[in-house]
Amino acid sequence: MSCLLMKYLLRNPLLSPRPKTLRIHMGSRVDAFFQQPEAPQPRARSFRVLKRIGQSITNWTTRRKSKAGLELMATILPTLTGIMKLNIIYQENDPPSHETIIFAELWKVFGDRLRSLYIHSSIANLSTFLTTSFRLPSLEVFSIDARSADPHEVVPITIVLIPFLIAHQSSLRQISIKIGHPHYLEISSILQCLQGMPCLFSIGISVPTSSIPFNGHGMLIAHQQNLTSFALHFPSYSYSPSSLSAFFSQDWCYLRLPNLRDLTIQTPKPGPCKEFFDYIQLFASSLVTLTIPGRRFSYKEAEKLSRKLAAFRSLRHLNLGVRGLSPSILACFAQALPGLSHLVLSYHYISVDEDEHPFEVRELPTLVSSELDYNIDCIYNCSQFSSRMRCYADLFSHWELESFDFGADMAALSNAKIKKTLIDNLPNVVWFCHVEREECIRNLRQLRFLMTDAGL
């Protein structure tokens, strides 16, 4: 938010109460956390931010703001009387004193009414945000993503985060704790804090390194009947196939959660093991949403997963990654999950059949390996893809899928052809990549006219 817009809000008291969410991006290396767009013209920027204010969101981005700018920000904070959700993104390890002033002002102004708090920061900065001397009485949602490679930065987790969790045990209902640190070992104190939160129904937590047991039994027993959302985030640097198998063989992994509706397992790079599939199977009767980020499934792995999911009659949302987006892999999910409503498939490349004949590569550097025989001659071979899709026409016509997100780039001709094939052969899908079917068709027509005019 520019100084000009902050002054505008000060002059318009009827506009200031509208925002419900405040997002603060601070630090000279903020782009390491979020990719920043190119700076637009002042008029366009003002219009965009004012439009977002009307949408109940206020953004404030700073890369080493001056003390005067921070003081102006502190002046406007009391006018934002509708703020109930605060997001803070800060990477700097040693923030200047004039920047820390703004955080004291945030707690002073919003502390009593703040319901949601998200912090993305280095571990060293936790003491800057979460001082032990304050409490947020209305806080219901707390999410933290703290990362570091410094072995000496584990201490703030114990001396800052744990007291904060204890102080808010009675009010928290949703919590997500991601600690990205290779020496992050001690998690039992965090699990004990979660166990003592009577209103908790949503839990997301980082799993420590593979050498340390994850004793989640007491926590899950305490919330067994009320837990509706559960997420496990594995560190990619410490898990082998054998350690992943051992993890899902622990006693707590056999505990049923009868009302669990949303499950997220951010898997490490090793392939899913039998115990992984068995764990997911525990929630066949209740699960509505399943998200498995962090890994690209091969066709055989995805086929195995689809067979397991055939018993999930309540599943409506599925989000995972695959190596190759192919008609065969879509047919697997259409056959196993005819009632699926929303499908998100991130992919490395598009393939004609299973994991063979890849073309339209999205992440070529990742694919240059012994596991992929990349055939450059297939890069524009879309006709076989269309033919294979038509082979499953009857199956796709009975698929109740309403939304399909595959992240295709409309700017590429071959991608446009693939997108048209998907639109033509998935007749019940209303939304493709968050765009309505009719708009997708119009965009494809415009693209075809442009390429015809260009002689392509």
Protein backbone atom coordinates (compact mmCIF):
# COMPACT_ATOMS: atom_id res chain seq x y z
CA MET A 1 0.00 0.00 0.00
CA SER A 2 1.54 3.34 -1.03
CA CYS A 3 1.67 6.41 1.19
CA LEU A 4 -0.79 8.05 -1.21
CA LEU A 5 -3.35 5.30 -0.64
CA MET A 6 -2.81 5.30 3.09
CA LYS A 7 -3.56 9.02 3.14
CA TYR A 8 -6.60 8.38 0.97
CA LEU A 9 -7.96 5.95 3.56
CA LEU A 10 -7.37 8.51 6.30
CA ARG A 11 -9.45 11.01 4.37
CA ASN A 12 -12.26 8.52 3.74
CA PRO A 13 -13.48 7.14 7.07
CA LEU A 14 -16.40 5.32 5.42
CA LEU A 15 -13.98 3.19 3.38
CA SER A 16 -11.55 2.26 6.18
CA PRO A 17 -13.84 -0.16 8.09
CA ARG A 18 -14.49 -2.32 5.03
CA PRO A 19 -11.31 -4.47 4.91
CA LYS A 20 -11.53 -7.68 6.96
CA THR A 21 -8.06 -9.01 6.10
CA LEU A 22 -4.71 -7.25 6.36
CA ARG A 23 -1.67 -8.74 4.62
CA ILE A 24 1.74 -7.34 5.47
CA HIS A 25 4.76 -8.35 3.37
CA MET A 26 7.98 -7.05 4.89
CA GLY A 27 11.70 -7.44 4.21
CA SER A 28 14.18 -6.66 1.49
CA ARG A 29 14.08 -10.29 0.33
CA VAL A 30 10.32 -10.62 0.39
CA ASP A 31 10.37 -11.88 -3.19
CA ALA A 32 12.02 -15.06 -1.94
CA PHE A 33 8.69 -15.89 -0.31
CA PHE A 34 6.30 -14.43 -2.88
CA GLN A 35 6.86 -13.61 -6.49
CA GLN A 36 6.12 -9.93 -6.86
CA PRO A 37 4.55 -8.58 -10.08
CA GLU A 38 6.14 -5.75 -11.98
CA ALA A 39 5.31 -2.37 -10.55
CA PRO A 40 2.30 -0.91 -12.44
CA GLN A 41 1.64 2.71 -13.13
CA PRO A 42 0.51 4.76 -10.09
CA ARG A 43 -3.03 5.18 -11.35
CA ALA A 44 -3.45 1.48 -12.13
CA ARG A 45 -1.96 0.54 -8.77
CA SER A 46 -4.32 2.86 -6.93
CA PHE A 47 -7.32 1.46 -8.76
CA ARG A 48 -6.27 -2.14 -8.05
CA VAL A 49 -5.68 -1.61 -4.34
CA LEU A 50 -8.91 0.37 -3.91
CA LYS A 51 -10.73 -2.45 -5.69
CA ARG A 52 -9.22 -4.97 -3.28
CA ILE A 53 -10.28 -2.80 -0.35
CA GLY A 54 -13.80 -3.10 -1.69
CA GLN A 55 -13.26 -6.87 -1.68
CA SER A 56 -12.38 -6.72 2.03
CA ILE A 57 -8.62 -7.28 1.55
CA THR A 58 -5.87 -4.76 2.22
CA ASN A 59 -2.28 -5.48 1.17
CA TRP A 60 0.78 -3.64 2.41
CA THR A 61 4.13 -4.57 0.90
CA THR A 62 7.40 -3.04 2.03
CA ARG A 63 11.02 -3.63 1.22
CA ARG A 64 12.78 -1.72 3.96
CA LYS A 65 10.24 1.05 4.38
CA SER A 66 11.50 4.27 5.90
CA LYS A 67 10.69 5.11 9.47
CA ALA A 68 8.33 7.86 8.27
CA GLY A 69 6.42 5.38 6.10
CA LEU A 70 6.06 2.98 9.00
CA GLU A 71 4.84 5.78 11.25
CA LEU A 72 2.20 6.65 8.64
CA MET A 73 1.17 3.00 8.54
CA ALA A 74 0.88 3.02 12.34
CA THR A 75 -1.39 6.05 12.00
CA ILE A 76 -3.78 4.34 9.63
CA LEU A 77 -4.06 1.04 11.54
CA PRO A 78 -6.62 2.34 14.10
CA THR A 79 -8.94 3.34 11.24
CA LEU A 80 -9.12 -0.25 9.94
CA THR A 81 -11.77 -1.23 12.44
CA GLY A 82 -13.03 -4.25 10.49
CA ILE A 83 -9.77 -6.23 10.44
CA MET A 84 -10.19 -9.74 11.88
CA LYS A 85 -7.58 -11.64 9.86
CA LEU A 86 -3.87 -10.78 9.77
CA ASN A 87 -1.20 -12.30 7.50
CA ILE A 88 2.46 -11.41 8.12
CA ILE A 89 5.25 -12.42 5.74
CA TYR A 90 8.74 -11.51 6.92
CA GLN A 91 12.08 -13.07 6.08
CA GLU A 92 14.71 -10.78 7.57
CA ASN A 93 16.72 -12.32 10.43
CA ASP A 94 17.49 -9.01 12.12
CA PRO A 95 14.72 -6.45 11.56
CA PRO A 96 15.58 -2.81 12.36
CA SER A 97 14.02 -1.46 15.52
CA HIS A 98 11.78 0.98 13.64
CA GLU A 99 10.23 -1.96 11.75
CA THR A 100 9.45 -3.92 14.92
CA ILE A 101 7.43 -0.96 16.17
CA ILE A 102 4.69 -1.80 13.70
CA PHE A 103 4.12 -5.21 15.28
CA ALA A 104 3.54 -3.77 18.73
CA GLU A 105 1.00 -1.44 17.14
CA LEU A 106 -0.69 -4.35 15.36
CA TRP A 107 -1.33 -6.22 18.61
CA LYS A 108 -2.44 -3.02 20.30
CA VAL A 109 -4.98 -2.14 17.60
CA PHE A 110 -6.25 -5.56 16.45
CA GLY A 111 -5.45 -7.79 19.43
CA ASP A 112 -8.88 -7.92 21.00
CA ARG A 113 -10.80 -8.74 17.81
CA LEU A 114 -8.27 -10.72 15.74
CA ARG A 115 -9.65 -14.14 14.85
CA SER A 116 -7.06 -15.42 12.38
CA LEU A 117 -3.26 -15.04 12.36
CA TYR A 118 -0.84 -16.34 9.72
CA ILE A 119 2.94 -15.89 10.02
CA HIS A 120 5.50 -16.82 7.38
CA SER A 121 8.93 -16.03 8.73
CA SER A 122 12.39 -17.26 9.56
CA ILE A 123 12.54 -19.06 12.90
CA ALA A 124 14.80 -16.33 14.29
CA ASN A 125 12.01 -13.78 13.94
CA LEU A 126 9.41 -15.63 16.00
CA SER A 127 10.29 -13.62 19.09
CA THR A 128 9.60 -10.44 17.09
CA PHE A 129 6.02 -11.45 16.33
CA LEU A 130 5.03 -13.72 19.20
CA THR A 131 6.05 -11.96 22.37
CA THR A 132 5.13 -13.80 25.56
CA SER A 133 3.52 -10.73 27.11
CA PHE A 134 0.33 -10.57 25.05
CA ARG A 135 -2.74 -12.66 24.36
CA LEU A 136 -5.29 -12.54 21.53
CA PRO A 137 -8.57 -13.43 23.28
CA SER A 138 -10.60 -13.98 20.09
CA LEU A 139 -7.98 -15.95 18.15
CA GLU A 140 -9.50 -19.06 16.53
CA VAL A 141 -7.18 -19.76 13.57
CA PHE A 142 -3.39 -19.82 13.86
CA SER A 143 -1.00 -20.82 11.08
CA ILE A 144 2.76 -20.54 11.11
CA ASP A 145 5.38 -21.42 8.49
CA ALA A 146 8.85 -20.89 9.97
CA ARG A 147 12.01 -21.97 8.19
CA SER A 148 15.77 -21.92 8.70
CA ALA A 149 18.91 -23.93 8.01
CA ASP A 150 20.79 -22.56 11.03
CA PRO A 151 21.08 -25.28 13.74
CA HIS A 152 21.12 -22.59 16.45
CA GLU A 153 17.66 -21.27 15.52
CA VAL A 154 15.63 -24.11 17.04
CA VAL A 155 15.47 -22.38 20.43
CA PRO A 156 12.64 -19.90 19.58
CA ILE A 157 10.32 -22.84 18.92
CA THR A 158 10.55 -23.81 22.58
CA ILE A 159 10.79 -20.42 24.29
CA VAL A 160 8.35 -18.49 22.06
CA LEU A 161 5.98 -20.77 20.14
CA ILE A 162 5.10 -23.16 22.98
CA PRO A 163 4.11 -20.36 25.47
CA PHE A 164 2.01 -18.75 22.71
CA LEU A 165 0.15 -22.01 22.07
CA ILE A 166 -0.46 -22.55 25.78
CA ALA A 167 -1.80 -19.00 26.17
CA HIS A 168 -4.37 -19.61 23.41
CA GLN A 169 -5.39 -23.21 24.14
CA SER A 170 -8.94 -22.32 25.08
CA SER A 171 -9.82 -20.34 21.93
CA LEU A 172 -7.97 -22.00 19.03
CA ARG A 173 -10.12 -24.07 16.68
CA GLN A 174 -7.82 -24.44 13.66
CA ILE A 175 -4.04 -24.71 13.77
CA SER A 176 -1.26 -25.34 11.26
CA ILE A 177 2.40 -25.55 12.28
CA LYS A 178 5.09 -25.98 9.62
CA ILE A 179 8.67 -25.93 10.85
CA GLY A 180 11.25 -26.23 8.09
CA HIS A 181 14.50 -27.04 9.88
CA PRO A 182 16.87 -30.03 9.45
CA HIS A 183 17.50 -30.14 13.22
CA TYR A 184 13.88 -29.79 14.27
CA LEU A 185 13.52 -32.89 16.43
CA GLU A 186 11.45 -32.19 19.53
CA ILE A 187 7.76 -32.17 18.73
CA SER A 188 6.24 -33.79 21.82
CA SER A 189 5.74 -30.44 23.57
CA ILE A 190 3.76 -29.13 20.58
CA LEU A 191 1.64 -32.29 20.47
CA GLN A 192 0.88 -31.88 24.18
CA CYS A 193 -0.27 -28.31 23.56
CA LEU A 194 -2.58 -29.47 20.79
CA GLN A 195 -3.90 -32.23 23.00
CA GLY A 196 -5.05 -29.63 25.54
CA MET A 197 -7.07 -27.49 23.07
CA PRO A 198 -10.75 -28.36 23.69
CA CYS A 199 -12.19 -26.56 20.63
CA LEU A 200 -9.74 -27.85 18.01
CA PHE A 201 -11.22 -29.43 14.88
CA SER A 202 -8.48 -28.75 12.30
CA ILE A 203 -4.81 -29.72 12.72
CA GLY A 204 -1.85 -29.37 10.38
CA ILE A 205 1.65 -30.20 11.58
CA SER A 206 5.18 -30.84 10.37
CA VAL A 207 6.58 -34.31 10.91
CA PRO A 208 10.10 -34.33 12.44
CA THR A 209 13.07 -36.13 10.92
CA SER A 210 12.73 -39.83 10.27
CA SER A 211 14.85 -40.87 13.25
CA ILE A 212 12.38 -39.43 15.77
CA PRO A 213 9.04 -41.18 16.52
CA PHE A 214 5.91 -39.11 15.99
CA ASN A 215 3.71 -39.95 18.95
CA GLY A 216 0.42 -38.44 17.89
CA HIS A 217 -1.80 -40.95 19.69
CA GLY A 218 -2.68 -38.78 22.68
CA MET A 219 -3.41 -35.74 20.50
CA LEU A 220 -5.67 -37.69 18.15
CA ILE A 221 -7.47 -39.49 20.97
CA ALA A 222 -8.29 -36.10 22.52
CA HIS A 223 -9.85 -34.88 19.26
CA GLN A 224 -10.99 -38.18 17.76
CA GLN A 225 -14.67 -37.29 17.56
CA ASN A 226 -14.30 -33.62 16.59
CA LEU A 227 -11.40 -33.63 14.13
CA THR A 228 -12.64 -32.85 10.61
CA SER A 229 -9.37 -31.74 8.99
CA PHE A 230 -5.88 -33.24 9.38
CA ALA A 231 -2.64 -32.45 7.52
CA LEU A 232 0.81 -34.01 7.73
CA HIS A 233 3.80 -32.23 6.18
CA PHE A 234 6.92 -34.35 5.68
CA PRO A 235 10.42 -32.87 5.27
CA SER A 236 11.79 -33.82 1.87
CA TYR A 237 15.36 -34.12 3.12
CA SER A 238 15.04 -36.89 5.70
CA TYR A 239 12.69 -39.63 4.53
CA SER A 240 13.57 -42.80 2.67
CA PRO A 241 11.06 -45.43 1.52
CA SER A 242 11.83 -47.58 4.57
CA SER A 243 11.41 -44.71 7.04
CA LEU A 244 8.12 -43.69 5.40
CA SER A 245 6.88 -47.25 5.78
CA ALA A 246 7.96 -47.25 9.43
CA PHE A 247 6.18 -43.94 10.02
CA PHE A 248 2.79 -45.20 8.85
CA SER A 249 3.27 -48.40 10.85
CA GLN A 250 3.16 -46.56 14.19
CA ASP A 251 0.28 -47.32 16.56
CA TRP A 252 -1.43 -43.95 16.18
CA CYS A 253 -1.78 -44.52 12.43
CA TYR A 254 -4.37 -47.21 13.14
CA LEU A 255 -6.62 -44.83 15.07
CA ARG A 256 -9.85 -44.12 13.22
CA LEU A 257 -11.16 -40.57 12.97
CA PRO A 258 -14.87 -41.07 12.21
CA ASN A 259 -15.65 -37.47 11.24
CA LEU A 260 -12.52 -36.64 9.24
CA ARG A 261 -13.56 -34.93 6.00
CA ASP A 262 -10.35 -33.26 4.80
CA LEU A 263 -6.98 -35.06 4.69
CA THR A 264 -3.70 -33.59 3.39
CA ILE A 265 -0.47 -35.58 3.26
CA GLN A 266 2.46 -33.67 1.81
CA THR A 267 4.54 -36.67 0.87
CA PRO A 268 8.34 -36.70 0.53
CA LYS A 269 10.05 -37.75 -2.67
CA PRO A 270 10.14 -41.51 -1.97
CA GLY A 271 7.27 -43.35 -3.58
CA PRO A 272 4.12 -44.16 -1.58
CA CYS A 273 4.39 -47.41 0.33
CA LYS A 274 1.77 -50.00 1.24
CA GLU A 275 1.39 -48.48 4.72
CA PHE A 276 0.71 -45.07 3.16
CA PHE A 277 -2.20 -46.45 1.12
CA ASP A 278 -3.47 -48.41 4.12
CA TYR A 279 -3.52 -45.25 6.22
CA ILE A 280 -5.62 -43.35 3.68
CA GLN A 281 -8.00 -46.32 3.49
CA LEU A 282 -8.95 -45.78 7.16
CA PHE A 283 -11.05 -42.76 6.15
CA ALA A 284 -12.96 -44.26 3.24
CA SER A 285 -16.35 -43.73 4.84
CA SER A 286 -16.01 -40.03 5.73
CA LEU A 287 -13.40 -38.31 3.55
CA VAL A 288 -14.66 -35.54 1.25
CA THR A 289 -11.35 -33.89 0.28
CA LEU A 290 -7.98 -35.58 -0.29
CA THR A 291 -4.86 -33.55 -1.08
CA ILE A 292 -1.47 -35.15 -1.76
CA PRO A 293 1.00 -32.42 -2.77
CA GLY A 294 4.77 -32.70 -3.01
CA ARG A 295 5.02 -35.77 -5.24
CA ARG A 296 4.29 -36.67 -8.85
CA PHE A 297 2.62 -40.09 -9.07
CA SER A 298 3.59 -42.38 -11.92
CA TYR A 299 0.75 -43.96 -13.88
CA LYS A 300 1.05 -47.23 -11.95
CA GLU A 301 1.04 -45.40 -8.60
CA ALA A 302 -1.96 -43.28 -9.63
CA GLU A 303 -3.79 -46.37 -10.85
CA LYS A 304 -3.15 -48.08 -7.51
CA LEU A 305 -4.38 -44.99 -5.67
CA SER A 306 -7.54 -44.84 -7.80
CA ARG A 307 -8.35 -48.47 -6.96
CA LYS A 308 -7.99 -47.65 -3.26
CA LEU A 309 -10.21 -44.59 -3.65
CA ALA A 310 -13.01 -46.55 -5.33
CA ALA A 311 -14.38 -47.26 -1.85
CA PHE A 312 -14.50 -43.53 -0.96
CA ARG A 313 -18.14 -42.85 -1.79
CA SER A 314 -18.13 -39.41 -0.13
CA LEU A 315 -14.97 -38.12 -1.86
CA ARG A 316 -15.73 -35.01 -3.91
CA HIS A 317 -12.38 -33.16 -4.07
CA LEU A 318 -9.07 -34.70 -5.14
CA ASN A 319 -5.78 -32.81 -5.51
CA LEU A 320 -2.52 -34.51 -6.43
CA GLY A 321 0.40 -34.46 -8.85
CA VAL A 322 1.12 -36.90 -11.67
CA ARG A 323 4.10 -37.31 -13.94
CA GLY A 324 2.07 -37.46 -17.11
CA LEU A 325 -1.41 -36.11 -17.78
CA SER A 326 -2.93 -38.72 -20.08
CA PRO A 327 -6.37 -39.99 -21.13
CA SER A 328 -5.59 -43.25 -19.32
CA ILE A 329 -4.98 -41.56 -15.99
CA LEU A 330 -8.19 -39.55 -16.32
CA ALA A 331 -10.06 -42.75 -17.12
CA CYS A 332 -8.70 -44.36 -13.94
CA PHE A 333 -10.21 -41.64 -11.75
CA ALA A 334 -13.42 -41.45 -13.78
CA GLN A 335 -13.99 -45.17 -13.30
CA ALA A 336 -13.02 -45.27 -9.62
CA LEU A 337 -14.69 -41.98 -8.61
CA PRO A 338 -17.76 -41.37 -10.80
CA GLY A 339 -19.15 -38.92 -8.20
CA LEU A 340 -16.01 -36.76 -7.97
CA SER A 341 -16.82 -33.04 -8.30
CA HIS A 342 -13.43 -31.29 -8.28
CA LEU A 343 -10.11 -32.59 -9.62
CA VAL A 344 -6.74 -30.83 -9.50
CA LEU A 345 -3.92 -32.60 -11.36
CA SER A 346 -0.55 -30.90 -11.52
CA TYR A 347 1.76 -32.60 -14.00
CA HIS A 348 5.24 -32.65 -15.53
CA TYR A 349 4.18 -33.41 -19.07
CA ILE A 350 1.25 -34.51 -21.22
CA SER A 351 1.41 -38.05 -22.53
CA VAL A 352 -0.60 -40.10 -24.98
CA ASP A 353 -0.87 -43.28 -22.96
CA GLU A 354 0.16 -43.95 -19.38
CA ASP A 355 3.72 -42.58 -18.89
CA GLU A 356 4.84 -43.13 -22.49
CA HIS A 357 5.12 -40.81 -25.51
CA PRO A 358 5.46 -37.61 -23.46
CA PHE A 359 5.01 -34.25 -25.13
CA GLU A 360 4.17 -30.68 -24.11
CA VAL A 361 6.79 -30.78 -21.34
CA ARG A 362 6.27 -28.24 -18.55
CA GLU A 363 9.36 -28.91 -16.44
CA LEU A 364 12.03 -30.24 -18.80
CA PRO A 365 15.00 -29.87 -16.37
CA THR A 366 13.23 -32.12 -13.89
CA LEU A 367 12.57 -34.73 -16.54
CA VAL A 368 16.10 -35.16 -17.86
CA SER A 369 16.79 -38.37 -15.96
CA SER A 370 17.15 -42.09 -16.50
CA GLU A 371 13.47 -42.70 -15.63
CA LEU A 372 12.20 -40.84 -18.69
CA ASP A 373 12.98 -41.57 -22.31
CA TYR A 374 11.96 -38.19 -23.65
CA ASN A 375 10.96 -38.34 -27.31
CA ILE A 376 11.21 -34.87 -28.82
CA ASP A 377 9.40 -36.10 -31.96
CA CYS A 378 6.17 -36.37 -29.94
CA ILE A 379 6.10 -32.77 -28.74
CA TYR A 380 3.38 -31.67 -31.18
CA ASN A 381 1.58 -34.99 -31.42
CA CYS A 382 -1.84 -34.01 -30.09
CA SER A 383 -3.92 -36.11 -32.45
CA GLN A 384 -3.13 -39.34 -30.60
CA PHE A 385 -4.13 -37.68 -27.34
CA SER A 386 -7.49 -36.70 -28.84
CA SER A 387 -8.01 -40.18 -30.23
CA ARG A 388 -7.34 -41.79 -26.86
CA MET A 389 -9.74 -39.40 -25.13
CA ARG A 390 -12.51 -40.39 -27.55
CA CYS A 391 -11.95 -44.05 -26.64
CA TYR A 392 -13.27 -43.24 -23.16
CA ALA A 393 -16.21 -41.11 -24.36
CA ASP A 394 -18.88 -43.24 -22.68
CA LEU A 395 -16.99 -43.35 -19.38
CA PHE A 396 -16.40 -39.58 -19.38
CA SER A 397 -20.03 -38.85 -20.29
CA HIS A 398 -21.15 -40.41 -16.98
CA TRP A 399 -18.46 -38.71 -14.89
CA GLU A 400 -20.01 -36.08 -12.62
CA LEU A 401 -16.85 -33.94 -12.57
CA GLU A 402 -17.72 -30.23 -12.43
CA SER A 403 -14.29 -28.60 -12.07
CA PHE A 404 -10.95 -29.67 -13.56
CA ASP A 405 -7.75 -27.75 -12.90
CA PHE A 406 -4.68 -28.89 -14.83
CA GLY A 407 -2.79 -25.59 -15.13
CA ALA A 408 -2.61 -25.45 -18.93
CA ASP A 409 -1.09 -22.42 -20.60
CA MET A 410 -3.49 -20.96 -23.14
CA ALA A 411 -0.63 -19.13 -24.90
CA ALA A 412 0.82 -22.36 -26.34
CA LEU A 413 -0.81 -23.77 -29.48
CA SER A 414 -0.40 -27.42 -28.51
CA ASN A 415 -1.73 -26.67 -25.04
CA ALA A 416 -4.72 -24.99 -26.64
CA LYS A 417 -5.34 -28.12 -28.68
CA ILE A 418 -5.13 -30.28 -25.59
CA LYS A 419 -7.47 -27.96 -23.75
CA LYS A 420 -9.99 -28.12 -26.60
CA THR A 421 -9.77 -31.92 -26.52
CA LEU A 422 -10.45 -31.94 -22.80
CA ILE A 423 -13.39 -29.54 -23.18
CA ASP A 424 -14.89 -31.64 -25.96
CA ASN A 425 -14.50 -34.95 -24.17
CA LEU A 426 -15.40 -33.98 -20.59
CA PRO A 427 -18.97 -32.81 -21.23
CA ASN A 428 -20.03 -32.37 -17.59
CA VAL A 429 -17.13 -30.14 -16.53
CA VAL A 430 -18.26 -26.54 -16.02
CA TRP A 431 -14.95 -25.04 -14.88
CA PHE A 432 -11.55 -25.59 -16.48
CA CYS A 433 -8.68 -24.05 -14.51
CA HIS A 434 -11.14 -21.69 -12.76
CA VAL A 435 -12.55 -20.49 -16.10
CA GLU A 436 -16.10 -21.26 -17.17
CA ARG A 437 -16.55 -23.64 -20.08
CA GLU A 438 -18.16 -21.05 -22.36
CA GLU A 439 -15.38 -18.55 -21.73
CA CYS A 440 -12.77 -21.23 -22.46
CA ILE A 441 -14.47 -21.94 -25.78
CA ARG A 442 -14.52 -18.23 -26.66
CA ASN A 443 -10.83 -17.88 -25.77
CA LEU A 444 -9.93 -20.85 -27.93
CA ARG A 445 -11.85 -19.41 -30.87
CA GLN A 446 -10.07 -16.08 -30.50
CA LEU A 447 -6.72 -17.85 -30.34
CA ARG A 448 -7.53 -19.84 -33.47
CA PHE A 449 -8.47 -16.65 -35.37
CA LEU A 450 -5.26 -14.95 -34.26
CA MET A 451 -3.13 -17.86 -35.37
CA THR A 452 -5.01 -18.11 -38.66
CA ASP A 453 -4.34 -14.42 -39.32
CA ALA A 454 -0.69 -14.99 -38.49
CA GLY A 455 -0.51 -17.86 -40.96
CA LEU A 456 0.19 -20.51 -38.32
